[in-house]
Amino acid sequence: MLKEQFGVDVEGVRFYVGGKGRVYAYKECEFDEIAKHKGIYFGTLERDGLRLSIEGSFIVGKLARKNVIELDDESAVRWLAGEDVEVSVRGYWILKWRGRDYFLGCGRGNGAILRNFVPKDRRLQM
């Protein structure tokens, strides 16, 4: 799915699919047998693709060759405050801020807007 959606092959990272289609990313180590949790929350398997978490977008974003949108300062602040962004794209896209290697998460486009999935407890208070 990563290759199809974002043009990425992530090497050295293992994935674990938990309940409700949640995907966790981790690197193998000697403590795998006793670990209670398998890595960090990477994203969720949805009917129409993989929706990355903010952390997942950081892992994939630097390597992504497609489905990456660059936002200006104003749009980035609005996105981090939980607002949708008007962009005419479809499917899941990684949002990048100002050409830097700073990723804001992943949104789903319907052709008119990019739907925001930033959790309420991680949004900017305006």
N, C-alpha and C. Protein backbone atom coordinates (compact mmCIF):
# COMPACT_ATOMS: atom_id res chain seq x y z
N MET A 1 0.83 -1.20 0.00
CA MET A 1 0.00 0.00 0.00
C MET A 1 0.86 1.26 0.00
N LEU A 2 1.97 1.22 0.73
CA LEU A 2 2.87 2.38 0.77
C LEU A 2 3.44 2.68 -0.61
N LYS A 3 3.80 1.64 -1.32
CA LYS A 3 4.37 1.82 -2.65
C LYS A 3 3.32 2.37 -3.61
N GLU A 4 2.12 1.83 -3.54
CA GLU A 4 1.04 2.25 -4.43
C GLU A 4 0.59 3.69 -4.14
N GLN A 5 0.39 4.04 -2.89
CA GLN A 5 -0.12 5.36 -2.52
C GLN A 5 0.94 6.45 -2.55
N PHE A 6 2.12 6.16 -2.03
CA PHE A 6 3.12 7.21 -1.84
C PHE A 6 4.44 6.96 -2.57
N GLY A 7 4.56 5.84 -3.29
CA GLY A 7 5.78 5.54 -4.02
C GLY A 7 6.96 5.26 -3.12
N VAL A 8 6.71 4.56 -2.01
CA VAL A 8 7.74 4.37 -0.97
C VAL A 8 7.95 2.89 -0.66
N ASP A 9 9.21 2.51 -0.48
CA ASP A 9 9.58 1.22 0.08
C ASP A 9 10.31 1.53 1.37
N VAL A 10 9.73 1.19 2.51
CA VAL A 10 10.35 1.46 3.80
C VAL A 10 11.11 0.20 4.22
N GLU A 11 12.43 0.31 4.28
CA GLU A 11 13.25 -0.84 4.65
C GLU A 11 13.65 -0.78 6.12
N GLY A 12 13.75 -1.94 6.73
CA GLY A 12 14.18 -2.01 8.12
C GLY A 12 13.07 -1.75 9.12
N VAL A 13 11.86 -1.52 8.64
CA VAL A 13 10.73 -1.26 9.53
C VAL A 13 9.74 -2.40 9.38
N ARG A 14 9.26 -2.92 10.50
CA ARG A 14 8.26 -3.98 10.51
C ARG A 14 6.92 -3.37 10.89
N PHE A 15 5.85 -4.03 10.47
CA PHE A 15 4.52 -3.51 10.74
C PHE A 15 3.68 -4.58 11.43
N TYR A 16 2.82 -4.10 12.31
CA TYR A 16 1.90 -4.97 13.05
C TYR A 16 0.51 -4.36 12.91
N VAL A 17 -0.47 -5.16 12.51
CA VAL A 17 -1.84 -4.68 12.39
C VAL A 17 -2.60 -5.14 13.61
N GLY A 18 -3.11 -4.16 14.37
CA GLY A 18 -3.87 -4.45 15.57
C GLY A 18 -5.36 -4.33 15.33
N GLY A 19 -6.10 -4.18 16.40
CA GLY A 19 -7.55 -4.04 16.31
C GLY A 19 -7.98 -2.79 15.56
N LYS A 20 -9.15 -2.84 14.97
CA LYS A 20 -9.75 -1.73 14.22
C LYS A 20 -8.88 -1.27 13.05
N GLY A 21 -8.03 -2.17 12.54
CA GLY A 21 -7.20 -1.85 11.38
C GLY A 21 -6.06 -0.89 11.66
N ARG A 22 -5.72 -0.72 12.93
CA ARG A 22 -4.62 0.18 13.28
C ARG A 22 -3.28 -0.49 12.99
N VAL A 23 -2.39 0.26 12.37
CA VAL A 23 -1.08 -0.26 11.98
C VAL A 23 -0.02 0.38 12.87
N TYR A 24 0.89 -0.45 13.38
CA TYR A 24 1.98 0.01 14.23
C TYR A 24 3.30 -0.32 13.53
N ALA A 25 4.28 0.57 13.64
CA ALA A 25 5.60 0.39 13.03
C ALA A 25 6.64 0.20 14.13
N TYR A 26 7.58 -0.70 13.88
CA TYR A 26 8.65 -0.93 14.84
C TYR A 26 9.85 -1.54 14.14
N LYS A 27 10.99 -1.49 14.80
CA LYS A 27 12.19 -2.17 14.32
C LYS A 27 12.41 -3.36 15.23
N GLU A 28 12.81 -4.46 14.64
CA GLU A 28 13.04 -5.66 15.43
C GLU A 28 14.21 -5.45 16.39
N CYS A 29 14.06 -6.02 17.58
CA CYS A 29 15.15 -5.97 18.55
C CYS A 29 15.05 -7.16 19.48
N GLU A 30 16.00 -7.29 20.39
CA GLU A 30 16.05 -8.45 21.28
C GLU A 30 14.90 -8.47 22.30
N PHE A 31 14.18 -7.36 22.47
CA PHE A 31 13.11 -7.30 23.46
C PHE A 31 11.72 -7.52 22.87
N ASP A 32 11.64 -7.91 21.60
CA ASP A 32 10.35 -8.12 20.96
C ASP A 32 9.46 -9.11 21.71
N GLU A 33 10.06 -10.14 22.27
CA GLU A 33 9.29 -11.19 22.95
C GLU A 33 8.58 -10.68 24.21
N ILE A 34 9.16 -9.70 24.90
CA ILE A 34 8.57 -9.24 26.15
C ILE A 34 7.85 -7.89 26.02
N ALA A 35 7.92 -7.29 24.84
CA ALA A 35 7.29 -5.98 24.64
C ALA A 35 5.76 -6.11 24.68
N LYS A 36 5.12 -5.21 25.43
CA LYS A 36 3.66 -5.21 25.50
C LYS A 36 3.05 -4.57 24.26
N HIS A 37 3.71 -3.60 23.71
CA HIS A 37 3.21 -2.90 22.54
C HIS A 37 4.19 -3.08 21.39
N LYS A 38 3.67 -3.19 20.21
CA LYS A 38 4.50 -3.37 19.02
C LYS A 38 4.65 -2.03 18.30
N GLY A 39 5.49 -1.16 18.77
CA GLY A 39 5.85 0.05 18.07
C GLY A 39 4.94 1.24 18.28
N ILE A 40 5.08 2.22 17.36
CA ILE A 40 4.29 3.45 17.43
C ILE A 40 3.12 3.35 16.46
N TYR A 41 2.08 4.11 16.75
CA TYR A 41 0.92 4.15 15.87
C TYR A 41 1.34 4.77 14.53
N PHE A 42 1.19 4.02 13.45
CA PHE A 42 1.64 4.41 12.12
C PHE A 42 0.49 4.89 11.24
N GLY A 43 -0.67 4.31 11.41
CA GLY A 43 -1.82 4.70 10.58
C GLY A 43 -2.95 3.71 10.73
N THR A 44 -3.97 3.87 9.90
CA THR A 44 -5.14 3.01 9.94
C THR A 44 -5.48 2.52 8.54
N LEU A 45 -5.77 1.22 8.44
CA LEU A 45 -6.23 0.66 7.17
C LEU A 45 -7.70 1.03 6.99
N GLU A 46 -7.99 1.80 5.96
CA GLU A 46 -9.36 2.21 5.65
C GLU A 46 -9.82 1.43 4.42
N ARG A 47 -11.09 1.52 4.09
CA ARG A 47 -11.62 0.82 2.91
C ARG A 47 -10.92 1.25 1.63
N ASP A 48 -10.54 2.52 1.57
CA ASP A 48 -9.98 3.07 0.34
C ASP A 48 -8.49 3.36 0.40
N GLY A 49 -7.79 2.84 1.39
CA GLY A 49 -6.34 3.03 1.45
C GLY A 49 -5.81 3.10 2.87
N LEU A 50 -4.57 3.51 2.98
CA LEU A 50 -3.90 3.64 4.27
C LEU A 50 -3.86 5.11 4.67
N ARG A 51 -4.45 5.43 5.84
CA ARG A 51 -4.43 6.79 6.36
C ARG A 51 -3.33 6.85 7.41
N LEU A 52 -2.27 7.61 7.11
CA LEU A 52 -1.12 7.71 8.00
C LEU A 52 -1.41 8.62 9.20
N SER A 53 -0.78 8.31 10.32
CA SER A 53 -0.80 9.20 11.48
C SER A 53 0.23 10.30 11.23
N ILE A 54 0.33 11.26 12.15
CA ILE A 54 1.35 12.30 12.02
C ILE A 54 2.73 11.65 12.05
N GLU A 55 2.93 10.70 12.97
CA GLU A 55 4.22 10.01 13.04
C GLU A 55 4.46 9.18 11.78
N GLY A 56 3.44 8.55 11.27
CA GLY A 56 3.57 7.78 10.03
C GLY A 56 3.95 8.66 8.87
N SER A 57 3.40 9.89 8.84
CA SER A 57 3.74 10.81 7.74
C SER A 57 5.21 11.25 7.84
N PHE A 58 5.75 11.36 9.06
CA PHE A 58 7.17 11.68 9.23
C PHE A 58 8.05 10.53 8.72
N ILE A 59 7.67 9.30 9.02
CA ILE A 59 8.45 8.14 8.58
C ILE A 59 8.44 8.01 7.07
N VAL A 60 7.29 8.18 6.47
CA VAL A 60 7.12 7.98 5.02
C VAL A 60 7.44 9.24 4.22
N GLY A 61 7.16 10.41 4.79
CA GLY A 61 7.24 11.67 4.05
C GLY A 61 8.55 11.96 3.36
N LYS A 62 9.66 11.72 4.03
CA LYS A 62 10.97 12.02 3.44
C LYS A 62 11.26 11.17 2.21
N LEU A 63 10.63 10.00 2.15
CA LEU A 63 10.87 9.07 1.05
C LEU A 63 9.79 9.12 -0.03
N ALA A 64 8.66 9.75 0.28
CA ALA A 64 7.50 9.74 -0.62
C ALA A 64 7.81 10.41 -1.95
N ARG A 65 7.40 9.76 -3.02
CA ARG A 65 7.60 10.28 -4.37
C ARG A 65 6.31 10.76 -5.01
N LYS A 66 5.18 10.47 -4.36
CA LYS A 66 3.90 10.94 -4.88
C LYS A 66 2.92 11.15 -3.73
N ASN A 67 1.85 11.87 -4.02
CA ASN A 67 0.79 12.19 -3.06
C ASN A 67 1.31 12.96 -1.84
N VAL A 68 2.13 13.99 -2.11
CA VAL A 68 2.61 14.91 -1.08
C VAL A 68 2.21 16.32 -1.48
N ILE A 69 1.58 17.05 -0.56
CA ILE A 69 1.16 18.43 -0.81
C ILE A 69 1.95 19.34 0.11
N GLU A 70 2.45 20.43 -0.45
CA GLU A 70 3.19 21.41 0.33
C GLU A 70 2.25 22.57 0.67
N LEU A 71 2.19 22.92 1.96
CA LEU A 71 1.31 24.00 2.41
C LEU A 71 2.11 25.24 2.76
N ASP A 72 1.48 26.41 2.55
CA ASP A 72 2.10 27.66 2.98
C ASP A 72 1.83 27.84 4.48
N ASP A 73 2.36 28.90 5.07
CA ASP A 73 2.24 29.11 6.52
C ASP A 73 0.79 29.20 6.98
N GLU A 74 -0.02 29.98 6.27
CA GLU A 74 -1.41 30.18 6.67
C GLU A 74 -2.20 28.87 6.63
N SER A 75 -2.05 28.11 5.56
CA SER A 75 -2.75 26.84 5.43
C SER A 75 -2.27 25.83 6.46
N ALA A 76 -0.97 25.84 6.76
CA ALA A 76 -0.42 24.92 7.75
C ALA A 76 -1.00 25.19 9.14
N VAL A 77 -1.11 26.45 9.51
CA VAL A 77 -1.68 26.80 10.82
C VAL A 77 -3.15 26.39 10.88
N ARG A 78 -3.89 26.63 9.80
CA ARG A 78 -5.30 26.22 9.75
C ARG A 78 -5.42 24.70 9.88
N TRP A 79 -4.53 23.98 9.17
CA TRP A 79 -4.55 22.51 9.23
C TRP A 79 -4.28 22.03 10.66
N LEU A 80 -3.26 22.59 11.31
CA LEU A 80 -2.92 22.17 12.67
C LEU A 80 -3.97 22.58 13.69
N ALA A 81 -4.84 23.51 13.32
CA ALA A 81 -5.95 23.90 14.19
C ALA A 81 -7.16 22.98 13.97
N GLY A 82 -7.05 22.06 13.01
CA GLY A 82 -8.13 21.09 12.79
C GLY A 82 -9.03 21.39 11.61
N GLU A 83 -8.70 22.41 10.82
CA GLU A 83 -9.54 22.77 9.68
C GLU A 83 -9.16 21.98 8.44
N ASP A 84 -10.15 21.77 7.57
CA ASP A 84 -9.89 21.15 6.28
C ASP A 84 -9.25 22.18 5.36
N VAL A 85 -8.57 21.71 4.32
CA VAL A 85 -7.89 22.59 3.37
C VAL A 85 -8.52 22.39 2.00
N GLU A 86 -8.77 23.50 1.29
CA GLU A 86 -9.35 23.42 -0.05
C GLU A 86 -8.27 23.07 -1.07
N VAL A 87 -8.30 21.83 -1.54
CA VAL A 87 -7.36 21.34 -2.55
C VAL A 87 -8.13 20.34 -3.41
N SER A 88 -7.97 20.42 -4.71
CA SER A 88 -8.72 19.52 -5.59
C SER A 88 -7.92 18.25 -5.88
N VAL A 89 -7.84 17.38 -4.88
CA VAL A 89 -7.17 16.09 -5.02
C VAL A 89 -8.08 15.00 -4.47
N ARG A 90 -7.79 13.77 -4.85
CA ARG A 90 -8.55 12.62 -4.35
C ARG A 90 -7.60 11.62 -3.73
N GLY A 91 -8.08 10.94 -2.69
CA GLY A 91 -7.28 9.92 -2.01
C GLY A 91 -6.51 10.50 -0.84
N TYR A 92 -5.58 9.69 -0.31
CA TYR A 92 -4.81 10.08 0.88
C TYR A 92 -3.52 10.78 0.46
N TRP A 93 -3.24 11.91 1.10
CA TRP A 93 -2.09 12.76 0.78
C TRP A 93 -1.36 13.12 2.06
N ILE A 94 -0.04 13.19 1.97
CA ILE A 94 0.81 13.65 3.07
C ILE A 94 0.95 15.16 2.95
N LEU A 95 0.82 15.87 4.06
CA LEU A 95 0.97 17.32 4.05
C LEU A 95 2.33 17.71 4.59
N LYS A 96 3.00 18.55 3.83
CA LYS A 96 4.35 19.00 4.15
C LYS A 96 4.32 20.51 4.31
N TRP A 97 5.13 21.03 5.23
CA TRP A 97 5.13 22.47 5.49
C TRP A 97 6.38 23.12 4.91
N ARG A 98 6.19 24.09 4.03
CA ARG A 98 7.22 25.00 3.53
C ARG A 98 8.45 24.37 2.90
N GLY A 99 8.32 23.22 2.29
CA GLY A 99 9.47 22.63 1.62
C GLY A 99 10.50 22.03 2.56
N ARG A 100 10.24 22.10 3.83
CA ARG A 100 11.15 21.52 4.82
C ARG A 100 10.77 20.07 5.03
N ASP A 101 11.54 19.38 5.82
CA ASP A 101 11.19 18.01 6.16
C ASP A 101 10.32 17.99 7.41
N TYR A 102 9.28 18.82 7.41
CA TYR A 102 8.33 18.85 8.52
C TYR A 102 6.97 18.47 7.97
N PHE A 103 6.44 17.38 8.47
CA PHE A 103 5.20 16.83 7.95
C PHE A 103 4.06 17.03 8.95
N LEU A 104 2.90 17.39 8.44
CA LEU A 104 1.76 17.76 9.28
C LEU A 104 0.73 16.66 9.43
N GLY A 105 0.93 15.53 8.77
CA GLY A 105 -0.02 14.44 8.86
C GLY A 105 -0.51 14.03 7.49
N CYS A 106 -1.67 13.40 7.50
CA CYS A 106 -2.23 12.85 6.28
C CYS A 106 -3.70 13.24 6.22
N GLY A 107 -4.16 13.60 5.03
CA GLY A 107 -5.56 13.96 4.83
C GLY A 107 -6.14 13.19 3.66
N ARG A 108 -7.47 13.20 3.58
CA ARG A 108 -8.15 12.50 2.50
C ARG A 108 -8.89 13.49 1.63
N GLY A 109 -8.55 13.50 0.35
CA GLY A 109 -9.17 14.42 -0.59
C GLY A 109 -10.37 13.80 -1.28
N ASN A 110 -11.40 14.64 -1.50
CA ASN A 110 -12.60 14.18 -2.21
C ASN A 110 -12.78 14.90 -3.54
N GLY A 111 -11.78 15.67 -3.96
CA GLY A 111 -11.86 16.42 -5.20
C GLY A 111 -12.06 17.91 -4.98
N ALA A 112 -12.51 18.28 -3.78
CA ALA A 112 -12.73 19.70 -3.46
C ALA A 112 -11.96 20.12 -2.21
N ILE A 113 -11.98 19.26 -1.18
CA ILE A 113 -11.28 19.58 0.07
C ILE A 113 -10.43 18.39 0.52
N LEU A 114 -9.46 18.69 1.37
CA LEU A 114 -8.63 17.66 1.99
C LEU A 114 -9.08 17.58 3.45
N ARG A 115 -9.69 16.45 3.82
CA ARG A 115 -10.27 16.28 5.15
C ARG A 115 -9.16 16.09 6.18
N ASN A 116 -9.31 16.80 7.29
CA ASN A 116 -8.33 16.82 8.37
C ASN A 116 -8.59 15.68 9.35
N PHE A 117 -7.53 15.00 9.77
CA PHE A 117 -7.63 13.92 10.76
C PHE A 117 -6.75 14.19 11.99
N VAL A 118 -6.31 15.43 12.20
CA VAL A 118 -5.50 15.74 13.37
C VAL A 118 -6.38 15.56 14.62
N PRO A 119 -5.96 14.71 15.55
CA PRO A 119 -6.77 14.48 16.76
C PRO A 119 -6.99 15.78 17.54
N LYS A 120 -8.15 15.89 18.17
CA LYS A 120 -8.49 17.12 18.89
C LYS A 120 -7.46 17.49 19.95
N ASP A 121 -6.90 16.52 20.63
CA ASP A 121 -5.93 16.83 21.69
C ASP A 121 -4.56 17.24 21.14
N ARG A 122 -4.36 17.19 19.81
CA ARG A 122 -3.09 17.59 19.22
C ARG A 122 -3.23 18.85 18.36
N ARG A 123 -4.40 19.45 18.36
CA ARG A 123 -4.64 20.64 17.53
C ARG A 123 -4.14 21.91 18.21
N LEU A 124 -3.79 22.89 17.37
CA LEU A 124 -3.44 24.22 17.89
C LEU A 124 -4.69 24.89 18.43
N GLN A 125 -4.57 25.53 19.55
CA GLN A 125 -5.69 26.28 20.12
C GLN A 125 -5.62 27.70 19.60
N MET A 126 -6.65 28.13 18.90
CA MET A 126 -6.64 29.48 18.31
C MET A 126 -7.65 30.37 18.97
